[in-house]
Every structure is written in C-alpha cells, then in structure tokens.
Amino acid sequence: INNMLDKVDEMIIGGGMAFTFLKVLNNMEIGTSLFDEEGAGIVK
C-alpha cells in the first residue's frame, strides 16, 4: 500500500485488509475478523 500511495488518488481496499480500515476509520466493531495492528498505523 505504501508503495502505491504516491501513484493513486483513491484506493479500494477489500478482503481481510478492509476490516482494519473499517475499524480505524469508522470505529466499526469487527468482532473476530482480521485486524492488522501494525498495518493500522498507515491508515489515515
């Protein structure tokens, strides 16, 4: 993701990675779904 950020205006995130974004950006409850604590640091 970091490598592509300077090349795109918008990015679509899907799959298990989407849960990390949803929790960080929308404070959404994700239950036992995948969450990447380290990856959460790059979500803005």
PDB file of N, CA and C in Angstrom:
ATOM      1  N   ILE A   1       0.834  -1.191   0.000  1.00  0.00           N
ATOM      2  CA  ILE A   1       0.000   0.000   0.000  1.00  0.00           C
ATOM      3  C   ILE A   1       0.874   1.249   0.000  1.00  0.00           C
ATOM      4  N   ASN A   2       1.874   1.275   0.852  1.00  0.00           N
ATOM      5  CA  ASN A   2       2.732   2.467   0.919  1.00  0.00           C
ATOM      6  C   ASN A   2       3.385   2.771  -0.420  1.00  0.00           C
ATOM      7  N   ASN A   3       3.764   1.741  -1.169  1.00  0.00           N
ATOM      8  CA  ASN A   3       4.413   1.948  -2.465  1.00  0.00           C
ATOM      9  C   ASN A   3       3.473   2.551  -3.492  1.00  0.00           C
ATOM     10  N   MET A   4       2.179   2.338  -3.353  1.00  0.00           N
ATOM     11  CA  MET A   4       1.216   2.814  -4.337  1.00  0.00           C
ATOM     12  C   MET A   4       0.594   4.161  -3.974  1.00  0.00           C
ATOM     13  N   LEU A   5       0.733   4.613  -2.753  1.00  0.00           N
ATOM     14  CA  LEU A   5       0.063   5.834  -2.305  1.00  0.00           C
ATOM     15  C   LEU A   5       0.419   7.066  -3.126  1.00  0.00           C
ATOM     16  N   ASP A   6       1.657   7.163  -3.584  1.00  0.00           N
ATOM     17  CA  ASP A   6       2.042   8.344  -4.359  1.00  0.00           C
ATOM     18  C   ASP A   6       1.643   8.242  -5.828  1.00  0.00           C
ATOM     19  N   LYS A   7       1.064   7.112  -6.233  1.00  0.00           N
ATOM     20  CA  LYS A   7       0.688   6.892  -7.629  1.00  0.00           C
ATOM     21  C   LYS A   7      -0.813   6.947  -7.875  1.00  0.00           C
ATOM     22  N   VAL A   8      -1.607   6.991  -6.820  1.00  0.00           N
ATOM     23  CA  VAL A   8      -3.064   6.951  -6.974  1.00  0.00           C
ATOM     24  C   VAL A   8      -3.721   8.080  -6.175  1.00  0.00           C
ATOM     25  N   ASP A   9      -4.928   8.456  -6.610  1.00  0.00           N
ATOM     26  CA  ASP A   9      -5.721   9.430  -5.863  1.00  0.00           C
ATOM     27  C   ASP A   9      -6.633   8.732  -4.868  1.00  0.00           C
ATOM     28  N   GLU A  10      -7.127   7.568  -5.253  1.00  0.00           N
ATOM     29  CA  GLU A  10      -8.014   6.777  -4.396  1.00  0.00           C
ATOM     30  C   GLU A  10      -7.635   5.311  -4.526  1.00  0.00           C
ATOM     31  N   MET A  11      -7.931   4.533  -3.482  1.00  0.00           N
ATOM     32  CA  MET A  11      -7.600   3.117  -3.488  1.00  0.00           C
ATOM     33  C   MET A  11      -8.768   2.337  -2.896  1.00  0.00           C
ATOM     34  N   ILE A  12      -9.100   1.230  -3.513  1.00  0.00           N
ATOM     35  CA  ILE A  12     -10.148   0.352  -2.998  1.00  0.00           C
ATOM     36  C   ILE A  12      -9.476  -0.771  -2.217  1.00  0.00           C
ATOM     37  N   ILE A  13      -9.889  -0.939  -0.976  1.00  0.00           N
ATOM     38  CA  ILE A  13      -9.345  -1.982  -0.111  1.00  0.00           C
ATOM     39  C   ILE A  13     -10.430  -3.026   0.096  1.00  0.00           C
ATOM     40  N   GLY A  14     -10.102  -4.278  -0.129  1.00  0.00           N
ATOM     41  CA  GLY A  14     -11.081  -5.355   0.034  1.00  0.00           C
ATOM     42  C   GLY A  14     -10.489  -6.502   0.832  1.00  0.00           C
ATOM     43  N   GLY A  15     -11.286  -7.528   1.003  1.00  0.00           N
ATOM     44  CA  GLY A  15     -10.831  -8.714   1.719  1.00  0.00           C
ATOM     45  C   GLY A  15     -10.606  -8.444   3.192  1.00  0.00           C
ATOM     46  N   GLY A  16      -9.759  -9.251   3.786  1.00  0.00           N
ATOM     47  CA  GLY A  16      -9.484  -9.136   5.213  1.00  0.00           C
ATOM     48  C   GLY A  16      -8.868  -7.809   5.609  1.00  0.00           C
ATOM     49  N   MET A  17      -8.117  -7.196   4.694  1.00  0.00           N
ATOM     50  CA  MET A  17      -7.486  -5.910   4.980  1.00  0.00           C
ATOM     51  C   MET A  17      -8.526  -4.816   5.221  1.00  0.00           C
ATOM     52  N   ALA A  18      -9.688  -4.954   4.627  1.00  0.00           N
ATOM     53  CA  ALA A  18     -10.734  -3.933   4.759  1.00  0.00           C
ATOM     54  C   ALA A  18     -11.180  -3.770   6.211  1.00  0.00           C
ATOM     55  N   PHE A  19     -11.153  -4.835   6.983  1.00  0.00           N
ATOM     56  CA  PHE A  19     -11.599  -4.747   8.373  1.00  0.00           C
ATOM     57  C   PHE A  19     -10.710  -3.810   9.190  1.00  0.00           C
ATOM     58  N   THR A  20      -9.410  -3.818   8.924  1.00  0.00           N
ATOM     59  CA  THR A  20      -8.506  -2.905   9.618  1.00  0.00           C
ATOM     60  C   THR A  20      -8.883  -1.466   9.316  1.00  0.00           C
ATOM     61  N   PHE A  21      -9.154  -1.164   8.036  1.00  0.00           N
ATOM     62  CA  PHE A  21      -9.533   0.191   7.647  1.00  0.00           C
ATOM     63  C   PHE A  21     -10.871   0.582   8.266  1.00  0.00           C
ATOM     64  N   LEU A  22     -11.838  -0.317   8.242  1.00  0.00           N
ATOM     65  CA  LEU A  22     -13.158  -0.006   8.793  1.00  0.00           C
ATOM     66  C   LEU A  22     -13.091   0.288  10.288  1.00  0.00           C
ATOM     67  N   LYS A  23     -12.286  -0.504  11.007  1.00  0.00           N
ATOM     68  CA  LYS A  23     -12.174  -0.289  12.447  1.00  0.00           C
ATOM     69  C   LYS A  23     -11.482   1.039  12.758  1.00  0.00           C
ATOM     70  N   VAL A  24     -10.406   1.341  12.043  1.00  0.00           N
ATOM     71  CA  VAL A  24      -9.640   2.560  12.318  1.00  0.00           C
ATOM     72  C   VAL A  24     -10.390   3.810  11.866  1.00  0.00           C
ATOM     73  N   LEU A  25     -10.924   3.795  10.648  1.00  0.00           N
ATOM     74  CA  LEU A  25     -11.544   4.998  10.089  1.00  0.00           C
ATOM     75  C   LEU A  25     -12.962   5.250  10.588  1.00  0.00           C
ATOM     76  N   ASN A  26     -13.722   4.185  10.796  1.00  0.00           N
ATOM     77  CA  ASN A  26     -15.137   4.336  11.161  1.00  0.00           C
ATOM     78  C   ASN A  26     -15.443   3.853  12.567  1.00  0.00           C
ATOM     79  N   ASN A  27     -14.405   3.446  13.312  1.00  0.00           N
ATOM     80  CA  ASN A  27     -14.593   2.908  14.657  1.00  0.00           C
ATOM     81  C   ASN A  27     -15.638   1.793  14.660  1.00  0.00           C
ATOM     82  N   MET A  28     -15.637   0.987  13.603  1.00  0.00           N
ATOM     83  CA  MET A  28     -16.622  -0.079  13.433  1.00  0.00           C
ATOM     84  C   MET A  28     -16.215  -1.318  14.231  1.00  0.00           C
ATOM     85  N   GLU A  29     -17.166  -1.927  14.888  1.00  0.00           N
ATOM     86  CA  GLU A  29     -16.929  -3.196  15.559  1.00  0.00           C
ATOM     87  C   GLU A  29     -16.729  -4.268  14.496  1.00  0.00           C
ATOM     88  N   ILE A  30     -15.622  -5.014  14.577  1.00  0.00           N
ATOM     89  CA  ILE A  30     -15.353  -6.040  13.577  1.00  0.00           C
ATOM     90  C   ILE A  30     -15.344  -7.443  14.176  1.00  0.00           C
ATOM     91  N   GLY A  31     -15.667  -7.537  15.450  1.00  0.00           N
ATOM     92  CA  GLY A  31     -15.746  -8.845  16.096  1.00  0.00           C
ATOM     93  C   GLY A  31     -14.425  -9.588  16.025  1.00  0.00           C
ATOM     94  N   THR A  32     -14.462 -10.834  15.552  1.00  0.00           N
ATOM     95  CA  THR A  32     -13.258 -11.651  15.467  1.00  0.00           C
ATOM     96  C   THR A  32     -12.633 -11.611  14.079  1.00  0.00           C
ATOM     97  N   SER A  33     -13.064 -10.656  13.255  1.00  0.00           N
ATOM     98  CA  SER A  33     -12.499 -10.526  11.908  1.00  0.00           C
ATOM     99  C   SER A  33     -11.041 -10.101  11.990  1.00  0.00           C
ATOM    100  N   LEU A  34     -10.324 -10.288  10.888  1.00  0.00           N
ATOM    101  CA  LEU A  34      -8.908  -9.950  10.842  1.00  0.00           C
ATOM    102  C   LEU A  34      -8.670  -8.478  11.152  1.00  0.00           C
ATOM    103  N   PHE A  35      -7.632  -8.211  11.946  1.00  0.00           N
ATOM    104  CA  PHE A  35      -7.222  -6.840  12.242  1.00  0.00           C
ATOM    105  C   PHE A  35      -5.707  -6.817  12.310  1.00  0.00           C
ATOM    106  N   ASP A  36      -5.083  -5.961  11.536  1.00  0.00           N
ATOM    107  CA  ASP A  36      -3.631  -5.848  11.480  1.00  0.00           C
ATOM    108  C   ASP A  36      -3.197  -4.644  12.307  1.00  0.00           C
ATOM    109  N   GLU A  37      -2.736  -4.910  13.508  1.00  0.00           N
ATOM    110  CA  GLU A  37      -2.345  -3.837  14.432  1.00  0.00           C
ATOM    111  C   GLU A  37      -1.225  -2.980  13.842  1.00  0.00           C
ATOM    112  N   GLU A  38      -0.235  -3.618  13.243  1.00  0.00           N
ATOM    113  CA  GLU A  38       0.878  -2.879  12.637  1.00  0.00           C
ATOM    114  C   GLU A  38       0.411  -2.084  11.421  1.00  0.00           C
ATOM    115  N   GLY A  39      -0.435  -2.687  10.599  1.00  0.00           N
ATOM    116  CA  GLY A  39      -0.952  -2.022   9.413  1.00  0.00           C
ATOM    117  C   GLY A  39      -1.882  -0.873   9.742  1.00  0.00           C
ATOM    118  N   ALA A  40      -2.492  -0.909  10.916  1.00  0.00           N
ATOM    119  CA  ALA A  40      -3.415   0.153  11.314  1.00  0.00           C
ATOM    120  C   ALA A  40      -2.702   1.495  11.412  1.00  0.00           C
ATOM    121  N   GLY A  41      -1.399   1.475  11.595  1.00  0.00           N
ATOM    122  CA  GLY A  41      -0.636   2.708  11.709  1.00  0.00           C
ATOM    123  C   GLY A  41      -0.570   3.515  10.426  1.00  0.00           C
ATOM    124  N   ILE A  42      -0.769   2.873   9.262  1.00  0.00           N
ATOM    125  CA  ILE A  42      -0.693   3.613   7.999  1.00  0.00           C
ATOM    126  C   ILE A  42      -2.043   4.141   7.548  1.00  0.00           C
ATOM    127  N   VAL A  43      -3.103   3.731   8.234  1.00  0.00           N
ATOM    128  CA  VAL A  43      -4.452   4.162   7.850  1.00  0.00           C
ATOM    129  C   VAL A  43      -4.638   5.613   8.264  1.00  0.00           C
ATOM    130  N   LYS A  44      -5.055   6.454   7.316  1.00  0.00           N
ATOM    131  CA  LYS A  44      -5.256   7.879   7.623  1.00  0.00           C
ATOM    132  C   LYS A  44      -6.653   8.268   7.241  1.00  0.00           C
TER     133      LYS A  44
END
